[in-house]
Amino acid sequence: MVAPYFGYQHYWASRVRSSVIYGFDQVTNTAYQSGSTYHKSNYVATNLIWNVFGSLNVGSEFLYGWVKKKDNSSVNAPRIMFSAKYDFNFMRKPD
């Protein structure tokens, strides 16, 4: 099995950042497995996150993945996601 995964994060400004992610997975199939058995997949994602203030972050992400089966049939799945996150950690951070 092979499964590398890479990611890079870039800050456009002090409160705006993006990430690009790529992942790949491939297994060695046997002759006894059916043609519909999973063989390999690819995954790509990119996002834009804005730290509005304090612990509030909002952003959007585009994800695209595709899978190939042993019989060479394939399917893909593009997705768009929007998110908001607030961290309720009230512990004081060191100066």
PDB file of N, CA and C in Angstrom:
ATOM      1  N   MET A   1       0.846  -1.180   0.000  1.00  0.00           N
ATOM      2  CA  MET A   1       0.000   0.000   0.000  1.00  0.00           C
ATOM      3  C   MET A   1       0.889   1.241   0.000  1.00  0.00           C
ATOM      4  N   VAL A   2       0.465   2.240  -0.742  1.00  0.00           N
ATOM      5  CA  VAL A   2       1.141   3.532  -0.800  1.00  0.00           C
ATOM      6  C   VAL A   2       0.109   4.590  -0.444  1.00  0.00           C
ATOM      7  N   ALA A   3       0.479   5.561   0.424  1.00  0.00           N
ATOM      8  CA  ALA A   3      -0.504   6.576   0.831  1.00  0.00           C
ATOM      9  C   ALA A   3       0.165   7.890   1.242  1.00  0.00           C
ATOM     10  N   PRO A   4       0.793   8.623   0.314  1.00  0.00           N
ATOM     11  CA  PRO A   4       1.365   9.927   0.684  1.00  0.00           C
ATOM     12  C   PRO A   4       0.277  10.990   0.849  1.00  0.00           C
ATOM     13  N   TYR A   5       0.571  11.971   1.662  1.00  0.00           N
ATOM     14  CA  TYR A   5      -0.365  13.057   1.963  1.00  0.00           C
ATOM     15  C   TYR A   5       0.465  14.321   2.164  1.00  0.00           C
ATOM     16  N   PHE A   6       0.141  15.398   1.462  1.00  0.00           N
ATOM     17  CA  PHE A   6       0.913  16.631   1.536  1.00  0.00           C
ATOM     18  C   PHE A   6      -0.008  17.814   1.809  1.00  0.00           C
ATOM     19  N   GLY A   7       0.493  18.797   2.525  1.00  0.00           N
ATOM     20  CA  GLY A   7      -0.266  20.009   2.772  1.00  0.00           C
ATOM     21  C   GLY A   7       0.652  21.208   2.892  1.00  0.00           C
ATOM     22  N   TYR A   8       0.149  22.353   2.505  1.00  0.00           N
ATOM     23  CA  TYR A   8       0.902  23.606   2.607  1.00  0.00           C
ATOM     24  C   TYR A   8      -0.050  24.697   3.068  1.00  0.00           C
ATOM     25  N   GLN A   9       0.378  25.490   4.036  1.00  0.00           N
ATOM     26  CA  GLN A   9      -0.439  26.607   4.522  1.00  0.00           C
ATOM     27  C   GLN A   9       0.301  27.911   4.248  1.00  0.00           C
ATOM     28  N   HIS A  10      -0.444  28.897   3.754  1.00  0.00           N
ATOM     29  CA  HIS A  10       0.139  30.204   3.426  1.00  0.00           C
ATOM     30  C   HIS A  10      -0.690  31.308   4.080  1.00  0.00           C
ATOM     31  N   TYR A  11      -0.031  32.235   4.747  1.00  0.00           N
ATOM     32  CA  TYR A  11      -0.710  33.400   5.324  1.00  0.00           C
ATOM     33  C   TYR A  11      -0.638  34.544   4.321  1.00  0.00           C
ATOM     34  N   TRP A  12      -1.803  34.990   3.850  1.00  0.00           N
ATOM     35  CA  TRP A  12      -1.893  36.115   2.923  1.00  0.00           C
ATOM     36  C   TRP A  12      -1.775  37.426   3.682  1.00  0.00           C
ATOM     37  N   ALA A  13      -2.266  37.437   4.906  1.00  0.00           N
ATOM     38  CA  ALA A  13      -2.192  38.571   5.819  1.00  0.00           C
ATOM     39  C   ALA A  13      -2.226  37.976   7.223  1.00  0.00           C
ATOM     40  N   SER A  14      -2.100  38.788   8.241  1.00  0.00           N
ATOM     41  CA  SER A  14      -2.036  38.253   9.598  1.00  0.00           C
ATOM     42  C   SER A  14      -3.294  37.490   9.996  1.00  0.00           C
ATOM     43  N   ARG A  15      -4.438  37.782   9.379  1.00  0.00           N
ATOM     44  CA  ARG A  15      -5.692  37.118   9.738  1.00  0.00           C
ATOM     45  C   ARG A  15      -6.336  36.331   8.589  1.00  0.00           C
ATOM     46  N   VAL A  16      -5.619  36.185   7.488  1.00  0.00           N
ATOM     47  CA  VAL A  16      -6.165  35.463   6.329  1.00  0.00           C
ATOM     48  C   VAL A  16      -5.137  34.422   5.885  1.00  0.00           C
ATOM     49  N   ARG A  17      -5.609  33.166   5.776  1.00  0.00           N
ATOM     50  CA  ARG A  17      -4.699  32.097   5.387  1.00  0.00           C
ATOM     51  C   ARG A  17      -5.406  31.116   4.449  1.00  0.00           C
ATOM     52  N   SER A  18      -4.594  30.365   3.725  1.00  0.00           N
ATOM     53  CA  SER A  18      -5.087  29.325   2.827  1.00  0.00           C
ATOM     54  C   SER A  18      -4.254  28.075   3.019  1.00  0.00           C
ATOM     55  N   SER A  19      -4.863  26.961   2.698  1.00  0.00           N
ATOM     56  CA  SER A  19      -4.143  25.691   2.681  1.00  0.00           C
ATOM     57  C   SER A  19      -4.446  24.975   1.378  1.00  0.00           C
ATOM     58  N   VAL A  20      -3.476  24.204   0.919  1.00  0.00           N
ATOM     59  CA  VAL A  20      -3.639  23.318  -0.223  1.00  0.00           C
ATOM     60  C   VAL A  20      -3.217  21.938   0.255  1.00  0.00           C
ATOM     61  N   ILE A  21      -4.054  20.941  -0.004  1.00  0.00           N
ATOM     62  CA  ILE A  21      -3.803  19.595   0.482  1.00  0.00           C
ATOM     63  C   ILE A  21      -3.954  18.604  -0.659  1.00  0.00           C
ATOM     64  N   TYR A  22      -3.091  17.605  -0.690  1.00  0.00           N
ATOM     65  CA  TYR A  22      -3.187  16.533  -1.682  1.00  0.00           C
ATOM     66  C   TYR A  22      -2.933  15.192  -0.988  1.00  0.00           C
ATOM     67  N   GLY A  23      -3.735  14.220  -1.311  1.00  0.00           N
ATOM     68  CA  GLY A  23      -3.537  12.884  -0.789  1.00  0.00           C
ATOM     69  C   GLY A  23      -3.751  11.840  -1.869  1.00  0.00           C
ATOM     70  N   PHE A  24      -3.021  10.751  -1.752  1.00  0.00           N
ATOM     71  CA  PHE A  24      -3.095   9.658  -2.719  1.00  0.00           C
ATOM     72  C   PHE A  24      -3.036   8.349  -1.949  1.00  0.00           C
ATOM     73  N   ASP A  25      -3.786   7.372  -2.406  1.00  0.00           N
ATOM     74  CA  ASP A  25      -3.799   6.071  -1.761  1.00  0.00           C
ATOM     75  C   ASP A  25      -3.941   5.004  -2.827  1.00  0.00           C
ATOM     76  N   GLN A  26      -3.127   3.955  -2.739  1.00  0.00           N
ATOM     77  CA  GLN A  26      -3.226   2.861  -3.695  1.00  0.00           C
ATOM     78  C   GLN A  26      -2.938   1.547  -2.988  1.00  0.00           C
ATOM     79  N   VAL A  27      -3.754   0.556  -3.257  1.00  0.00           N
ATOM     80  CA  VAL A  27      -3.544  -0.774  -2.691  1.00  0.00           C
ATOM     81  C   VAL A  27      -3.240  -1.759  -3.814  1.00  0.00           C
ATOM     82  N   THR A  28      -2.587  -2.842  -3.464  1.00  0.00           N
ATOM     83  CA  THR A  28      -2.309  -3.914  -4.413  1.00  0.00           C
ATOM     84  C   THR A  28      -3.441  -4.921  -4.331  1.00  0.00           C
ATOM     85  N   ASN A  29      -4.178  -5.028  -5.407  1.00  0.00           N
ATOM     86  CA  ASN A  29      -5.299  -5.958  -5.442  1.00  0.00           C
ATOM     87  C   ASN A  29      -4.820  -7.367  -5.807  1.00  0.00           C
ATOM     88  N   THR A  30      -5.594  -8.342  -5.404  1.00  0.00           N
ATOM     89  CA  THR A  30      -5.303  -9.732  -5.755  1.00  0.00           C
ATOM     90  C   THR A  30      -6.199 -10.166  -6.900  1.00  0.00           C
ATOM     91  N   ALA A  31      -5.845 -11.254  -7.530  1.00  0.00           N
ATOM     92  CA  ALA A  31      -6.638 -11.788  -8.642  1.00  0.00           C
ATOM     93  C   ALA A  31      -8.005 -12.276  -8.178  1.00  0.00           C
ATOM     94  N   TYR A  32      -8.143 -12.581  -6.900  1.00  0.00           N
ATOM     95  CA  TYR A  32      -9.394 -13.136  -6.379  1.00  0.00           C
ATOM     96  C   TYR A  32     -10.438 -12.076  -6.028  1.00  0.00           C
ATOM     97  N   GLN A  33     -10.055 -10.823  -6.016  1.00  0.00           N
ATOM     98  CA  GLN A  33     -11.000  -9.757  -5.679  1.00  0.00           C
ATOM     99  C   GLN A  33     -11.854  -9.395  -6.892  1.00  0.00           C
ATOM    100  N   SER A  34     -13.069  -8.967  -6.630  1.00  0.00           N
ATOM    101  CA  SER A  34     -13.967  -8.593  -7.733  1.00  0.00           C
ATOM    102  C   SER A  34     -13.513  -7.281  -8.367  1.00  0.00           C
ATOM    103  N   GLY A  35     -14.045  -6.999  -9.546  1.00  0.00           N
ATOM    104  CA  GLY A  35     -13.690  -5.773 -10.258  1.00  0.00           C
ATOM    105  C   GLY A  35     -14.135  -4.515  -9.554  1.00  0.00           C
ATOM    106  N   SER A  36     -15.150  -4.609  -8.695  1.00  0.00           N
ATOM    107  CA  SER A  36     -15.656  -3.434  -7.986  1.00  0.00           C
ATOM    108  C   SER A  36     -14.853  -3.109  -6.719  1.00  0.00           C
ATOM    109  N   THR A  37     -13.769  -3.821  -6.478  1.00  0.00           N
ATOM    110  CA  THR A  37     -12.934  -3.600  -5.298  1.00  0.00           C
ATOM    111  C   THR A  37     -12.135  -2.305  -5.451  1.00  0.00           C
ATOM    112  N   TYR A  38     -12.015  -1.571  -4.366  1.00  0.00           N
ATOM    113  CA  TYR A  38     -11.231  -0.330  -4.321  1.00  0.00           C
ATOM    114  C   TYR A  38      -9.794  -0.594  -4.762  1.00  0.00           C
ATOM    115  N   HIS A  39      -9.253   0.318  -5.576  1.00  0.00           N
ATOM    116  CA  HIS A  39      -7.850   0.199  -5.998  1.00  0.00           C
ATOM    117  C   HIS A  39      -7.030   1.432  -5.616  1.00  0.00           C
ATOM    118  N   LYS A  40      -7.494   2.634  -6.001  1.00  0.00           N
ATOM    119  CA  LYS A  40      -6.730   3.831  -5.643  1.00  0.00           C
ATOM    120  C   LYS A  40      -7.628   5.055  -5.627  1.00  0.00           C
ATOM    121  N   SER A  41      -7.140   6.112  -4.964  1.00  0.00           N
ATOM    122  CA  SER A  41      -7.894   7.365  -4.908  1.00  0.00           C
ATOM    123  C   SER A  41      -6.950   8.551  -4.826  1.00  0.00           C
ATOM    124  N   ASN A  42      -7.469   9.698  -5.212  1.00  0.00           N
ATOM    125  CA  ASN A  42      -6.776  10.979  -5.116  1.00  0.00           C
ATOM    126  C   ASN A  42      -7.708  11.963  -4.423  1.00  0.00           C
ATOM    127  N   TYR A  43      -7.123  12.908  -3.707  1.00  0.00           N
ATOM    128  CA  TYR A  43      -7.901  13.877  -2.943  1.00  0.00           C
ATOM    129  C   TYR A  43      -7.171  15.212  -3.000  1.00  0.00           C
ATOM    130  N   VAL A  44      -7.893  16.275  -3.343  1.00  0.00           N
ATOM    131  CA  VAL A  44      -7.325  17.617  -3.401  1.00  0.00           C
ATOM    132  C   VAL A  44      -8.268  18.561  -2.658  1.00  0.00           C
ATOM    133  N   ALA A  45      -7.713  19.459  -1.877  1.00  0.00           N
ATOM    134  CA  ALA A  45      -8.526  20.449  -1.169  1.00  0.00           C
ATOM    135  C   ALA A  45      -7.777  21.765  -1.118  1.00  0.00           C
ATOM    136  N   THR A  46      -8.535  22.854  -1.163  1.00  0.00           N
ATOM    137  CA  THR A  46      -7.964  24.178  -0.968  1.00  0.00           C
ATOM    138  C   THR A  46      -8.987  25.012  -0.206  1.00  0.00           C
ATOM    139  N   ASN A  47      -8.502  25.914   0.614  1.00  0.00           N
ATOM    140  CA  ASN A  47      -9.434  26.702   1.420  1.00  0.00           C
ATOM    141  C   ASN A  47      -8.943  28.131   1.594  1.00  0.00           C
ATOM    142  N   LEU A  48      -9.820  28.940   2.147  1.00  0.00           N
ATOM    143  CA  LEU A  48      -9.518  30.318   2.517  1.00  0.00           C
ATOM    144  C   LEU A  48     -10.182  30.548   3.873  1.00  0.00           C
ATOM    145  N   ILE A  49      -9.379  30.861   4.885  1.00  0.00           N
ATOM    146  CA  ILE A  49      -9.863  31.031   6.259  1.00  0.00           C
ATOM    147  C   ILE A  49      -9.558  32.460   6.713  1.00  0.00           C
ATOM    148  N   TRP A  50     -10.544  33.089   7.326  1.00  0.00           N
ATOM    149  CA  TRP A  50     -10.394  34.442   7.852  1.00  0.00           C
ATOM    150  C   TRP A  50     -10.610  34.409   9.355  1.00  0.00           C
ATOM    151  N   ASN A  51      -9.630  34.892  10.100  1.00  0.00           N
ATOM    152  CA  ASN A  51      -9.763  35.039  11.544  1.00  0.00           C
ATOM    153  C   ASN A  51     -10.425  36.391  11.776  1.00  0.00           C
ATOM    154  N   VAL A  52     -11.741  36.389  12.009  1.00  0.00           N
ATOM    155  CA  VAL A  52     -12.515  37.614  12.127  1.00  0.00           C
ATOM    156  C   VAL A  52     -12.040  38.431  13.324  1.00  0.00           C
ATOM    157  N   PHE A  53     -12.001  37.789  14.489  1.00  0.00           N
ATOM    158  CA  PHE A  53     -11.439  38.389  15.702  1.00  0.00           C
ATOM    159  C   PHE A  53     -11.262  37.289  16.732  1.00  0.00           C
ATOM    160  N   GLY A  54     -10.313  37.464  17.629  1.00  0.00           N
ATOM    161  CA  GLY A  54     -10.107  36.501  18.709  1.00  0.00           C
ATOM    162  C   GLY A  54     -10.083  35.064  18.225  1.00  0.00           C
ATOM    163  N   SER A  55     -11.030  34.263  18.719  1.00  0.00           N
ATOM    164  CA  SER A  55     -11.090  32.843  18.384  1.00  0.00           C
ATOM    165  C   SER A  55     -12.115  32.512  17.310  1.00  0.00           C
ATOM    166  N   LEU A  56     -12.660  33.516  16.627  1.00  0.00           N
ATOM    167  CA  LEU A  56     -13.659  33.276  15.582  1.00  0.00           C
ATOM    168  C   LEU A  56     -12.993  33.205  14.214  1.00  0.00           C
ATOM    169  N   ASN A  57     -13.155  32.051  13.553  1.00  0.00           N
ATOM    170  CA  ASN A  57     -12.646  31.845  12.207  1.00  0.00           C
ATOM    171  C   ASN A  57     -13.800  31.442  11.302  1.00  0.00           C
ATOM    172  N   VAL A  58     -13.851  32.010  10.104  1.00  0.00           N
ATOM    173  CA  VAL A  58     -14.827  31.625   9.097  1.00  0.00           C
ATOM    174  C   VAL A  58     -14.076  31.329   7.807  1.00  0.00           C
ATOM    175  N   GLY A  59     -14.656  30.468   6.990  1.00  0.00           N
ATOM    176  CA  GLY A  59     -13.957  30.149   5.760  1.00  0.00           C
ATOM    177  C   GLY A  59     -14.759  29.290   4.821  1.00  0.00           C
ATOM    178  N   SER A  60     -14.157  29.003   3.692  1.00  0.00           N
ATOM    179  CA  SER A  60     -14.749  28.114   2.699  1.00  0.00           C
ATOM    180  C   SER A  60     -13.656  27.194   2.178  1.00  0.00           C
ATOM    181  N   GLU A  61     -14.098  26.048   1.691  1.00  0.00           N
ATOM    182  CA  GLU A  61     -13.142  25.051   1.207  1.00  0.00           C
ATOM    183  C   GLU A  61     -13.735  24.327   0.004  1.00  0.00           C
ATOM    184  N   PHE A  62     -12.884  24.059  -0.973  1.00  0.00           N
ATOM    185  CA  PHE A  62     -13.259  23.245  -2.121  1.00  0.00           C
ATOM    186  C   PHE A  62     -12.503  21.932  -2.030  1.00  0.00           C
ATOM    187  N   LEU A  63     -13.227  20.826  -2.115  1.00  0.00           N
ATOM    188  CA  LEU A  63     -12.637  19.492  -2.043  1.00  0.00           C
ATOM    189  C   LEU A  63     -12.992  18.725  -3.312  1.00  0.00           C
ATOM    190  N   TYR A  64     -12.045  17.975  -3.805  1.00  0.00           N
ATOM    191  CA  TYR A  64     -12.308  17.149  -4.988  1.00  0.00           C
ATOM    192  C   TYR A  64     -11.593  15.820  -4.795  1.00  0.00           C
ATOM    193  N   GLY A  65     -12.346  14.755  -4.902  1.00  0.00           N
ATOM    194  CA  GLY A  65     -11.761  13.432  -4.764  1.00  0.00           C
ATOM    195  C   GLY A  65     -12.261  12.509  -5.837  1.00  0.00           C
ATOM    196  N   TRP A  66     -11.443  11.544  -6.197  1.00  0.00           N
ATOM    197  CA  TRP A  66     -11.887  10.547  -7.147  1.00  0.00           C
ATOM    198  C   TRP A  66     -11.259   9.204  -6.774  1.00  0.00           C
ATOM    199  N   VAL A  67     -11.982   8.166  -7.110  1.00  0.00           N
ATOM    200  CA  VAL A  67     -11.567   6.811  -6.775  1.00  0.00           C
ATOM    201  C   VAL A  67     -11.614   5.938  -8.036  1.00  0.00           C
ATOM    202  N   LYS A  68     -10.659   5.033  -8.133  1.00  0.00           N
ATOM    203  CA  LYS A  68     -10.635   4.082  -9.244  1.00  0.00           C
ATOM    204  C   LYS A  68     -10.720   2.684  -8.648  1.00  0.00           C
ATOM    205  N   LYS A  69     -11.555   1.858  -9.251  1.00  0.00           N
ATOM    206  CA  LYS A  69     -11.712   0.477  -8.791  1.00  0.00           C
ATOM    207  C   LYS A  69     -10.817  -0.448  -9.607  1.00  0.00           C
ATOM    208  N   LYS A  70     -10.738  -1.690  -9.189  1.00  0.00           N
ATOM    209  CA  LYS A  70      -9.871  -2.672  -9.843  1.00  0.00           C
ATOM    210  C   LYS A  70     -10.182  -2.832 -11.327  1.00  0.00           C
ATOM    211  N   ASP A  71     -11.465  -2.708 -11.709  1.00  0.00           N
ATOM    212  CA  ASP A  71     -11.864  -2.863 -13.116  1.00  0.00           C
ATOM    213  C   ASP A  71     -11.690  -1.575 -13.930  1.00  0.00           C
ATOM    214  N   ASN A  72     -11.002  -0.574 -13.367  1.00  0.00           N
ATOM    215  CA  ASN A  72     -10.719   0.735 -13.986  1.00  0.00           C
ATOM    216  C   ASN A  72     -11.921   1.660 -14.056  1.00  0.00           C
ATOM    217  N   SER A  73     -13.054   1.295 -13.485  1.00  0.00           N
ATOM    218  CA  SER A  73     -14.158   2.251 -13.400  1.00  0.00           C
ATOM    219  C   SER A  73     -13.804   3.284 -12.334  1.00  0.00           C
ATOM    220  N   SER A  74     -14.342   4.480 -12.496  1.00  0.00           N
ATOM    221  CA  SER A  74     -13.992   5.536 -11.540  1.00  0.00           C
ATOM    222  C   SER A  74     -15.196   6.442 -11.290  1.00  0.00           C
ATOM    223  N   VAL A  75     -15.159   7.101 -10.157  1.00  0.00           N
ATOM    224  CA  VAL A  75     -16.161   8.105  -9.793  1.00  0.00           C
ATOM    225  C   VAL A  75     -15.440   9.262  -9.120  1.00  0.00           C
ATOM    226  N   ASN A  76     -16.085  10.445  -9.135  1.00  0.00           N
ATOM    227  CA  ASN A  76     -15.483  11.596  -8.468  1.00  0.00           C
ATOM    228  C   ASN A  76     -16.518  12.288  -7.600  1.00  0.00           C
ATOM    229  N   ALA A  77     -16.040  13.171  -6.730  1.00  0.00           N
ATOM    230  CA  ALA A  77     -16.938  13.849  -5.795  1.00  0.00           C
ATOM    231  C   ALA A  77     -16.425  15.253  -5.497  1.00  0.00           C
ATOM    232  N   PRO A  78     -16.849  16.271  -6.259  1.00  0.00           N
ATOM    233  CA  PRO A  78     -16.505  17.656  -5.920  1.00  0.00           C
ATOM    234  C   PRO A  78     -17.436  18.155  -4.818  1.00  0.00           C
ATOM    235  N   ARG A  79     -16.898  18.933  -3.889  1.00  0.00           N
ATOM    236  CA  ARG A  79     -17.700  19.476  -2.788  1.00  0.00           C
ATOM    237  C   ARG A  79     -17.224  20.884  -2.451  1.00  0.00           C
ATOM    238  N   ILE A  80     -18.156  21.698  -1.975  1.00  0.00           N
ATOM    239  CA  ILE A  80     -17.841  23.023  -1.440  1.00  0.00           C
ATOM    240  C   ILE A  80     -18.362  23.055  -0.016  1.00  0.00           C
ATOM    241  N   MET A  81     -17.555  23.560   0.892  1.00  0.00           N
ATOM    242  CA  MET A  81     -17.929  23.589   2.298  1.00  0.00           C
ATOM    243  C   MET A  81     -17.701  24.992   2.853  1.00  0.00           C
ATOM    244  N   PHE A  82     -18.612  25.443   3.692  1.00  0.00           N
ATOM    245  CA  PHE A  82     -18.477  26.699   4.410  1.00  0.00           C
ATOM    246  C   PHE A  82     -18.460  26.373   5.899  1.00  0.00           C
ATOM    247  N   SER A  83     -17.653  27.099   6.660  1.00  0.00           N
ATOM    248  CA  SER A  83     -17.566  26.781   8.081  1.00  0.00           C
ATOM    249  C   SER A  83     -17.337  28.031   8.922  1.00  0.00           C
ATOM    250  N   ALA A  84     -17.676  27.884  10.182  1.00  0.00           N
ATOM    251  CA  ALA A  84     -17.383  28.894  11.192  1.00  0.00           C
ATOM    252  C   ALA A  84     -16.945  28.139  12.440  1.00  0.00           C
ATOM    253  N   LYS A  85     -15.916  28.632  13.088  1.00  0.00           N
ATOM    254  CA  LYS A  85     -15.401  27.968  14.283  1.00  0.00           C
ATOM    255  C   LYS A  85     -15.090  29.016  15.334  1.00  0.00           C
ATOM    256  N   TYR A  86     -15.537  28.741  16.538  1.00  0.00           N
ATOM    257  CA  TYR A  86     -15.186  29.595  17.672  1.00  0.00           C
ATOM    258  C   TYR A  86     -14.588  28.710  18.746  1.00  0.00           C
ATOM    259  N   ASP A  87     -13.413  29.045  19.218  1.00  0.00           N
ATOM    260  CA  ASP A  87     -12.725  28.277  20.253  1.00  0.00           C
ATOM    261  C   ASP A  87     -13.097  28.852  21.611  1.00  0.00           C
ATOM    262  N   PHE A  88     -13.751  28.052  22.441  1.00  0.00           N
ATOM    263  CA  PHE A  88     -14.189  28.491  23.763  1.00  0.00           C
ATOM    264  C   PHE A  88     -13.129  28.251  24.831  1.00  0.00           C
ATOM    265  N   ASN A  89     -11.886  28.291  24.468  1.00  0.00           N
ATOM    266  CA  ASN A  89     -10.803  28.108  25.420  1.00  0.00           C
ATOM    267  C   ASN A  89     -10.547  29.426  26.121  1.00  0.00           C
ATOM    268  N   PHE A  90     -10.929  29.506  27.378  1.00  0.00           N
ATOM    269  CA  PHE A  90     -10.803  30.762  28.121  1.00  0.00           C
ATOM    270  C   PHE A  90      -9.517  30.859  28.925  1.00  0.00           C
ATOM    271  N   MET A  91      -8.622  29.911  28.754  1.00  0.00           N
ATOM    272  CA  MET A  91      -7.357  29.973  29.488  1.00  0.00           C
ATOM    273  C   MET A  91      -6.514  31.107  28.903  1.00  0.00           C
ATOM    274  N   ARG A  92      -5.868  31.822  29.768  1.00  0.00           N
ATOM    275  CA  ARG A  92      -5.030  32.927  29.338  1.00  0.00           C
ATOM    276  C   ARG A  92      -3.789  32.398  28.642  1.00  0.00           C
ATOM    277  N   LYS A  93      -3.502  32.960  27.499  1.00  0.00           N
ATOM    278  CA  LYS A  93      -2.309  32.586  26.772  1.00  0.00           C
ATOM    279  C   LYS A  93      -1.113  33.348  27.346  1.00  0.00           C
ATOM    280  N   PRO A  94       0.054  32.714  27.382  1.00  0.00           N
ATOM    281  CA  PRO A  94       1.234  33.407  27.905  1.00  0.00           C
ATOM    282  C   PRO A  94       1.614  34.604  27.039  1.00  0.00           C
ATOM    283  N   ASP A  95       2.139  35.622  27.670  1.00  0.00           N
ATOM    284  CA  ASP A  95       2.546  36.842  26.937  1.00  0.00           C
ATOM    285  C   ASP A  95       3.833  36.628  26.193  1.00  0.00           C
TER     286      ASP A  95
END
